Amino acid sequence: MEGDIEILNLDMKPGNILKVKGKILADAPDFSINLGYNSRDLAFHFSPRFNESVIVCNSKCSDRWQTEHRDHHLSFCRGSTVKFFIEMLSDKFRVKLPDGHEVCFPNRHGYCKINYISIHGGLKMISLKLT
């Protein structure tokens, strides 16, 4: 898949904001951004799915997915360039979408540090900045 990225030393902590800018491929069925300890233990899985017109959020513990949260406010469009923000707070992750809508998801594992990020699917990265 185009644009797959994996970073193992992210060092994201509560109060940090991850600024994501990328181009969504014209034929993308979806893309996902995963934050956690490693690929088996994810605090936050963020996945806009164009075929379902939904944003799926979830977490993973010891390679097992937990209960999905679905947000039907999909403000991403295939073929467009997007900029959005993922903020880590002590108790949740908050994503500010391009149209200003916010998606929140609890920090179920209580992580105080995120080392791992992966980006998969139909998002071609332009920039990724942690502030």
N, C-alpha and C. Protein backbone atom coordinates (compact mmCIF):
# COMPACT_ATOMS: atom_id res chain seq x y z
N MET A 1 0.84 -1.19 0.00
CA MET A 1 0.00 0.00 0.00
C MET A 1 0.87 1.24 0.00
N GLU A 2 0.39 2.25 -0.66
CA GLU A 2 1.15 3.48 -0.74
C GLU A 2 1.15 4.21 0.60
N GLY A 3 2.28 4.78 0.94
CA GLY A 3 2.37 5.65 2.09
C GLY A 3 2.53 4.97 3.43
N ASP A 4 2.80 3.67 3.48
CA ASP A 4 2.95 3.01 4.77
C ASP A 4 4.21 3.53 5.47
N ILE A 5 4.02 3.94 6.72
CA ILE A 5 5.10 4.52 7.53
C ILE A 5 5.03 3.87 8.91
N GLU A 6 6.20 3.65 9.50
CA GLU A 6 6.27 3.13 10.86
C GLU A 6 7.41 3.84 11.57
N ILE A 7 7.11 4.43 12.73
CA ILE A 7 8.12 5.12 13.53
C ILE A 7 8.09 4.49 14.92
N LEU A 8 9.26 4.11 15.42
CA LEU A 8 9.33 3.37 16.69
C LEU A 8 9.78 4.22 17.88
N ASN A 9 10.11 5.47 17.67
CA ASN A 9 10.62 6.31 18.78
C ASN A 9 9.93 7.68 18.78
N LEU A 10 8.61 7.67 18.74
CA LEU A 10 7.84 8.90 18.59
C LEU A 10 7.96 9.84 19.79
N ASP A 11 7.90 9.31 21.02
CA ASP A 11 7.98 10.10 22.25
C ASP A 11 6.85 11.15 22.37
N MET A 12 5.62 10.69 22.17
CA MET A 12 4.44 11.55 22.32
C MET A 12 3.91 11.42 23.74
N LYS A 13 3.62 12.56 24.35
CA LYS A 13 3.14 12.58 25.74
C LYS A 13 1.89 13.44 25.84
N PRO A 14 1.13 13.31 26.95
CA PRO A 14 -0.05 14.16 27.12
C PRO A 14 0.31 15.63 26.94
N GLY A 15 -0.50 16.34 26.17
CA GLY A 15 -0.25 17.74 25.85
C GLY A 15 0.36 17.92 24.47
N ASN A 16 0.93 16.85 23.91
CA ASN A 16 1.51 16.92 22.57
C ASN A 16 0.41 16.84 21.50
N ILE A 17 0.68 17.50 20.37
CA ILE A 17 -0.22 17.46 19.23
C ILE A 17 0.56 16.95 18.02
N LEU A 18 -0.02 15.98 17.34
CA LEU A 18 0.55 15.44 16.12
C LEU A 18 -0.17 16.11 14.96
N LYS A 19 0.60 16.86 14.15
CA LYS A 19 0.02 17.57 13.01
C LYS A 19 0.28 16.73 11.77
N VAL A 20 -0.80 16.31 11.12
CA VAL A 20 -0.73 15.41 9.98
C VAL A 20 -1.20 16.14 8.73
N LYS A 21 -0.38 16.08 7.68
CA LYS A 21 -0.79 16.63 6.39
C LYS A 21 -0.49 15.58 5.33
N GLY A 22 -1.49 15.33 4.49
CA GLY A 22 -1.30 14.32 3.46
C GLY A 22 -2.33 14.43 2.36
N LYS A 23 -2.12 13.67 1.31
CA LYS A 23 -3.06 13.62 0.20
C LYS A 23 -3.74 12.25 0.21
N ILE A 24 -5.06 12.29 0.24
CA ILE A 24 -5.82 11.05 0.20
C ILE A 24 -5.90 10.61 -1.27
N LEU A 25 -5.52 9.38 -1.52
CA LEU A 25 -5.54 8.87 -2.89
C LEU A 25 -6.97 8.82 -3.42
N ALA A 26 -7.12 9.04 -4.73
CA ALA A 26 -8.44 9.12 -5.35
C ALA A 26 -9.23 7.82 -5.22
N ASP A 27 -8.53 6.69 -5.14
CA ASP A 27 -9.21 5.39 -5.06
C ASP A 27 -9.08 4.74 -3.68
N ALA A 28 -8.72 5.53 -2.68
CA ALA A 28 -8.48 4.99 -1.34
C ALA A 28 -9.76 4.43 -0.73
N PRO A 29 -9.74 3.16 -0.29
CA PRO A 29 -10.90 2.65 0.45
C PRO A 29 -10.88 3.16 1.89
N ASP A 30 -9.65 3.43 2.41
CA ASP A 30 -9.48 3.87 3.79
C ASP A 30 -8.02 4.26 4.02
N PHE A 31 -7.76 4.75 5.22
CA PHE A 31 -6.40 4.86 5.73
C PHE A 31 -6.48 4.77 7.24
N SER A 32 -5.34 4.50 7.87
CA SER A 32 -5.35 4.43 9.33
C SER A 32 -4.07 5.00 9.91
N ILE A 33 -4.23 5.58 11.09
CA ILE A 33 -3.11 6.05 11.90
C ILE A 33 -3.23 5.33 13.23
N ASN A 34 -2.13 4.69 13.62
CA ASN A 34 -2.11 3.89 14.85
C ASN A 34 -1.06 4.44 15.80
N LEU A 35 -1.46 4.66 17.04
CA LEU A 35 -0.55 5.16 18.08
C LEU A 35 -0.55 4.19 19.24
N GLY A 36 0.64 3.87 19.75
CA GLY A 36 0.70 2.97 20.89
C GLY A 36 2.10 2.64 21.32
N TYR A 37 2.23 1.46 21.93
CA TYR A 37 3.52 0.97 22.41
C TYR A 37 4.24 0.22 21.30
N ASN A 38 3.47 -0.57 20.54
CA ASN A 38 3.97 -1.29 19.36
C ASN A 38 2.75 -1.70 18.54
N SER A 39 2.96 -2.48 17.47
CA SER A 39 1.84 -2.83 16.60
C SER A 39 0.82 -3.77 17.28
N ARG A 40 1.22 -4.43 18.35
CA ARG A 40 0.33 -5.34 19.07
C ARG A 40 -0.45 -4.65 20.19
N ASP A 41 0.04 -3.50 20.64
CA ASP A 41 -0.58 -2.75 21.74
C ASP A 41 -0.78 -1.31 21.30
N LEU A 42 -1.99 -1.01 20.85
CA LEU A 42 -2.32 0.31 20.34
C LEU A 42 -3.26 1.04 21.27
N ALA A 43 -2.89 2.25 21.63
CA ALA A 43 -3.77 3.09 22.44
C ALA A 43 -4.86 3.71 21.58
N PHE A 44 -4.52 3.97 20.30
CA PHE A 44 -5.46 4.68 19.43
C PHE A 44 -5.29 4.27 17.98
N HIS A 45 -6.35 3.73 17.41
CA HIS A 45 -6.44 3.39 15.99
C HIS A 45 -7.48 4.32 15.39
N PHE A 46 -7.08 5.13 14.42
CA PHE A 46 -7.95 6.12 13.77
C PHE A 46 -8.04 5.76 12.30
N SER A 47 -9.25 5.41 11.82
CA SER A 47 -9.38 4.90 10.46
C SER A 47 -10.63 5.42 9.74
N PRO A 48 -10.47 6.48 8.93
CA PRO A 48 -11.57 6.89 8.06
C PRO A 48 -11.79 5.82 6.98
N ARG A 49 -13.04 5.39 6.81
CA ARG A 49 -13.38 4.34 5.84
C ARG A 49 -14.41 4.90 4.86
N PHE A 50 -13.94 5.15 3.64
CA PHE A 50 -14.77 5.84 2.66
C PHE A 50 -15.94 5.00 2.17
N ASN A 51 -15.76 3.69 2.05
CA ASN A 51 -16.84 2.82 1.56
C ASN A 51 -18.00 2.74 2.55
N GLU A 52 -17.72 3.02 3.83
CA GLU A 52 -18.76 2.98 4.85
C GLU A 52 -19.18 4.37 5.33
N SER A 53 -18.48 5.42 4.87
CA SER A 53 -18.72 6.80 5.31
C SER A 53 -18.68 6.91 6.84
N VAL A 54 -17.60 6.39 7.42
CA VAL A 54 -17.47 6.36 8.87
C VAL A 54 -16.00 6.50 9.27
N ILE A 55 -15.77 7.01 10.47
CA ILE A 55 -14.43 7.00 11.07
C ILE A 55 -14.48 5.99 12.20
N VAL A 56 -13.63 4.98 12.10
CA VAL A 56 -13.57 3.95 13.14
C VAL A 56 -12.39 4.25 14.06
N CYS A 57 -12.65 4.25 15.36
CA CYS A 57 -11.60 4.40 16.36
C CYS A 57 -11.62 3.15 17.23
N ASN A 58 -10.43 2.71 17.65
CA ASN A 58 -10.35 1.52 18.46
C ASN A 58 -9.01 1.49 19.18
N SER A 59 -8.82 0.47 19.99
CA SER A 59 -7.54 0.20 20.66
C SER A 59 -7.29 -1.30 20.55
N LYS A 60 -6.05 -1.67 20.80
CA LYS A 60 -5.66 -3.08 20.68
C LYS A 60 -4.78 -3.42 21.88
N CYS A 61 -5.04 -4.57 22.48
CA CYS A 61 -4.27 -5.03 23.63
C CYS A 61 -3.79 -6.45 23.36
N SER A 62 -2.48 -6.67 23.41
CA SER A 62 -1.89 -7.98 23.14
C SER A 62 -2.42 -8.58 21.83
N ASP A 63 -2.45 -7.74 20.80
CA ASP A 63 -2.87 -8.13 19.45
C ASP A 63 -4.36 -8.44 19.32
N ARG A 64 -5.16 -8.02 20.30
CA ARG A 64 -6.61 -8.23 20.24
C ARG A 64 -7.31 -6.88 20.19
N TRP A 65 -8.15 -6.71 19.16
CA TRP A 65 -8.93 -5.48 19.05
C TRP A 65 -9.96 -5.41 20.17
N GLN A 66 -10.24 -4.19 20.60
CA GLN A 66 -11.24 -3.98 21.64
C GLN A 66 -12.53 -3.44 21.01
N THR A 67 -13.38 -2.80 21.77
CA THR A 67 -14.67 -2.33 21.25
C THR A 67 -14.49 -1.10 20.38
N GLU A 68 -15.04 -1.17 19.16
CA GLU A 68 -14.96 -0.06 18.20
C GLU A 68 -15.85 1.10 18.60
N HIS A 69 -15.37 2.29 18.25
CA HIS A 69 -16.20 3.49 18.32
C HIS A 69 -16.34 3.99 16.89
N ARG A 70 -17.56 4.25 16.45
CA ARG A 70 -17.79 4.71 15.08
C ARG A 70 -18.39 6.11 15.10
N ASP A 71 -17.77 7.00 14.34
CA ASP A 71 -18.24 8.38 14.21
C ASP A 71 -18.64 8.57 12.75
N HIS A 72 -19.90 8.94 12.52
CA HIS A 72 -20.42 9.04 11.15
C HIS A 72 -20.21 10.43 10.54
N HIS A 73 -19.34 11.23 11.15
CA HIS A 73 -19.01 12.55 10.60
C HIS A 73 -17.71 12.41 9.80
N LEU A 74 -17.80 12.00 8.55
CA LEU A 74 -16.62 11.79 7.72
C LEU A 74 -16.40 13.03 6.87
N SER A 75 -15.46 13.89 7.28
CA SER A 75 -15.22 15.13 6.55
C SER A 75 -14.00 15.02 5.62
N PHE A 76 -13.52 13.81 5.40
CA PHE A 76 -12.41 13.59 4.47
C PHE A 76 -12.99 13.24 3.10
N CYS A 77 -12.30 13.65 2.04
CA CYS A 77 -12.72 13.33 0.68
C CYS A 77 -11.57 12.71 -0.08
N ARG A 78 -11.88 11.65 -0.81
CA ARG A 78 -10.86 11.03 -1.67
C ARG A 78 -10.31 12.07 -2.64
N GLY A 79 -9.01 11.99 -2.91
CA GLY A 79 -8.37 12.88 -3.86
C GLY A 79 -8.02 14.25 -3.33
N SER A 80 -8.31 14.51 -2.05
CA SER A 80 -8.04 15.84 -1.50
C SER A 80 -6.78 15.84 -0.62
N THR A 81 -6.23 17.02 -0.44
CA THR A 81 -5.12 17.21 0.51
C THR A 81 -5.75 17.63 1.83
N VAL A 82 -5.35 16.97 2.90
CA VAL A 82 -5.96 17.23 4.21
C VAL A 82 -4.90 17.57 5.26
N LYS A 83 -5.36 18.31 6.24
CA LYS A 83 -4.54 18.64 7.40
C LYS A 83 -5.42 18.45 8.61
N PHE A 84 -4.95 17.64 9.58
CA PHE A 84 -5.72 17.44 10.80
C PHE A 84 -4.76 17.22 11.96
N PHE A 85 -5.29 17.27 13.16
CA PHE A 85 -4.47 17.25 14.37
C PHE A 85 -4.94 16.16 15.32
N ILE A 86 -4.00 15.43 15.89
CA ILE A 86 -4.30 14.43 16.90
C ILE A 86 -3.62 14.89 18.19
N GLU A 87 -4.43 15.17 19.19
CA GLU A 87 -3.90 15.64 20.48
C GLU A 87 -4.00 14.52 21.50
N MET A 88 -2.91 14.29 22.21
CA MET A 88 -2.92 13.32 23.29
C MET A 88 -3.14 14.05 24.60
N LEU A 89 -4.19 13.64 25.31
CA LEU A 89 -4.45 14.15 26.66
C LEU A 89 -4.25 12.98 27.61
N SER A 90 -4.24 13.22 28.90
CA SER A 90 -3.98 12.13 29.83
C SER A 90 -5.07 11.07 29.80
N ASP A 91 -6.32 11.48 29.51
CA ASP A 91 -7.43 10.53 29.55
C ASP A 91 -8.03 10.19 28.18
N LYS A 92 -7.60 10.88 27.12
CA LYS A 92 -8.19 10.63 25.80
C LYS A 92 -7.31 11.16 24.68
N PHE A 93 -7.70 10.79 23.48
CA PHE A 93 -7.12 11.34 22.26
C PHE A 93 -8.21 12.17 21.60
N ARG A 94 -7.83 13.36 21.12
CA ARG A 94 -8.78 14.24 20.47
C ARG A 94 -8.27 14.55 19.06
N VAL A 95 -9.09 14.27 18.07
CA VAL A 95 -8.72 14.54 16.68
C VAL A 95 -9.56 15.70 16.18
N LYS A 96 -8.88 16.73 15.69
CA LYS A 96 -9.58 17.87 15.10
C LYS A 96 -9.54 17.68 13.59
N LEU A 97 -10.72 17.45 13.00
CA LEU A 97 -10.84 17.18 11.58
C LEU A 97 -10.74 18.47 10.77
N PRO A 98 -10.54 18.36 9.45
CA PRO A 98 -10.35 19.55 8.62
C PRO A 98 -11.50 20.57 8.71
N ASP A 99 -12.72 20.11 8.97
CA ASP A 99 -13.86 21.03 9.05
C ASP A 99 -14.13 21.53 10.47
N GLY A 100 -13.22 21.19 11.41
CA GLY A 100 -13.38 21.66 12.79
C GLY A 100 -14.07 20.68 13.71
N HIS A 101 -14.72 19.67 13.16
CA HIS A 101 -15.37 18.64 13.98
C HIS A 101 -14.30 17.89 14.79
N GLU A 102 -14.64 17.50 16.01
CA GLU A 102 -13.69 16.76 16.84
C GLU A 102 -14.19 15.35 17.12
N VAL A 103 -13.26 14.41 17.05
CA VAL A 103 -13.52 13.02 17.41
C VAL A 103 -12.67 12.73 18.64
N CYS A 104 -13.29 12.25 19.72
CA CYS A 104 -12.56 11.91 20.94
C CYS A 104 -12.65 10.42 21.20
N PHE A 105 -11.56 9.88 21.74
CA PHE A 105 -11.49 8.45 22.03
C PHE A 105 -10.71 8.27 23.33
N PRO A 106 -11.21 7.48 24.28
CA PRO A 106 -10.53 7.37 25.58
C PRO A 106 -9.16 6.70 25.48
N ASN A 107 -8.27 7.12 26.37
CA ASN A 107 -6.95 6.48 26.51
C ASN A 107 -7.17 5.25 27.40
N ARG A 108 -7.69 4.19 26.80
CA ARG A 108 -8.11 3.00 27.55
C ARG A 108 -6.98 2.33 28.32
N HIS A 109 -5.76 2.40 27.80
CA HIS A 109 -4.62 1.75 28.45
C HIS A 109 -3.94 2.66 29.47
N GLY A 110 -4.35 3.93 29.51
CA GLY A 110 -3.73 4.87 30.44
C GLY A 110 -2.28 5.17 30.12
N TYR A 111 -1.92 5.06 28.85
CA TYR A 111 -0.53 5.34 28.46
C TYR A 111 -0.18 6.79 28.76
N CYS A 112 1.03 7.00 29.29
CA CYS A 112 1.52 8.36 29.50
C CYS A 112 2.63 8.69 28.49
N LYS A 113 2.90 7.74 27.59
CA LYS A 113 3.89 7.96 26.54
C LYS A 113 3.56 7.03 25.37
N ILE A 114 3.60 7.59 24.17
CA ILE A 114 3.38 6.83 22.94
C ILE A 114 4.71 6.77 22.20
N ASN A 115 5.21 5.57 21.98
CA ASN A 115 6.48 5.39 21.26
C ASN A 115 6.27 5.09 19.79
N TYR A 116 5.14 4.48 19.46
CA TYR A 116 4.94 3.86 18.15
C TYR A 116 3.85 4.57 17.36
N ILE A 117 4.12 4.82 16.10
CA ILE A 117 3.09 5.29 15.17
C ILE A 117 3.23 4.53 13.86
N SER A 118 2.10 4.16 13.28
CA SER A 118 2.12 3.61 11.93
C SER A 118 0.98 4.26 11.15
N ILE A 119 1.25 4.46 9.87
CA ILE A 119 0.26 5.03 8.97
C ILE A 119 0.15 4.08 7.79
N HIS A 120 -1.08 3.63 7.53
CA HIS A 120 -1.31 2.63 6.48
C HIS A 120 -2.42 3.09 5.55
N GLY A 121 -2.39 2.57 4.34
CA GLY A 121 -3.52 2.76 3.43
C GLY A 121 -3.34 3.93 2.50
N GLY A 122 -4.48 4.53 2.14
CA GLY A 122 -4.52 5.50 1.06
C GLY A 122 -4.24 6.93 1.42
N LEU A 123 -3.33 7.16 2.35
CA LEU A 123 -2.91 8.53 2.68
C LEU A 123 -1.43 8.68 2.35
N LYS A 124 -1.13 9.52 1.38
CA LYS A 124 0.26 9.80 1.01
C LYS A 124 0.73 10.97 1.86
N MET A 125 1.68 10.71 2.75
CA MET A 125 2.12 11.72 3.71
C MET A 125 2.85 12.87 3.02
N ILE A 126 2.54 14.07 3.46
CA ILE A 126 3.28 15.27 3.05
C ILE A 126 4.14 15.71 4.22
N SER A 127 3.54 15.79 5.41
CA SER A 127 4.32 16.14 6.59
C SER A 127 3.67 15.57 7.84
N LEU A 128 4.51 15.35 8.84
CA LEU A 128 4.11 14.82 10.13
C LEU A 128 4.95 15.56 11.16
N LYS A 129 4.30 16.28 12.06
CA LYS A 129 5.04 17.09 13.03
C LYS A 129 4.45 16.91 14.42
N LEU A 130 5.32 16.65 15.39
CA LEU A 130 4.89 16.50 16.77
C LEU A 130 5.28 17.76 17.54
N THR A 131 4.28 18.43 18.14
CA THR A 131 4.56 19.67 18.90
C THR A 131 4.04 19.54 20.32
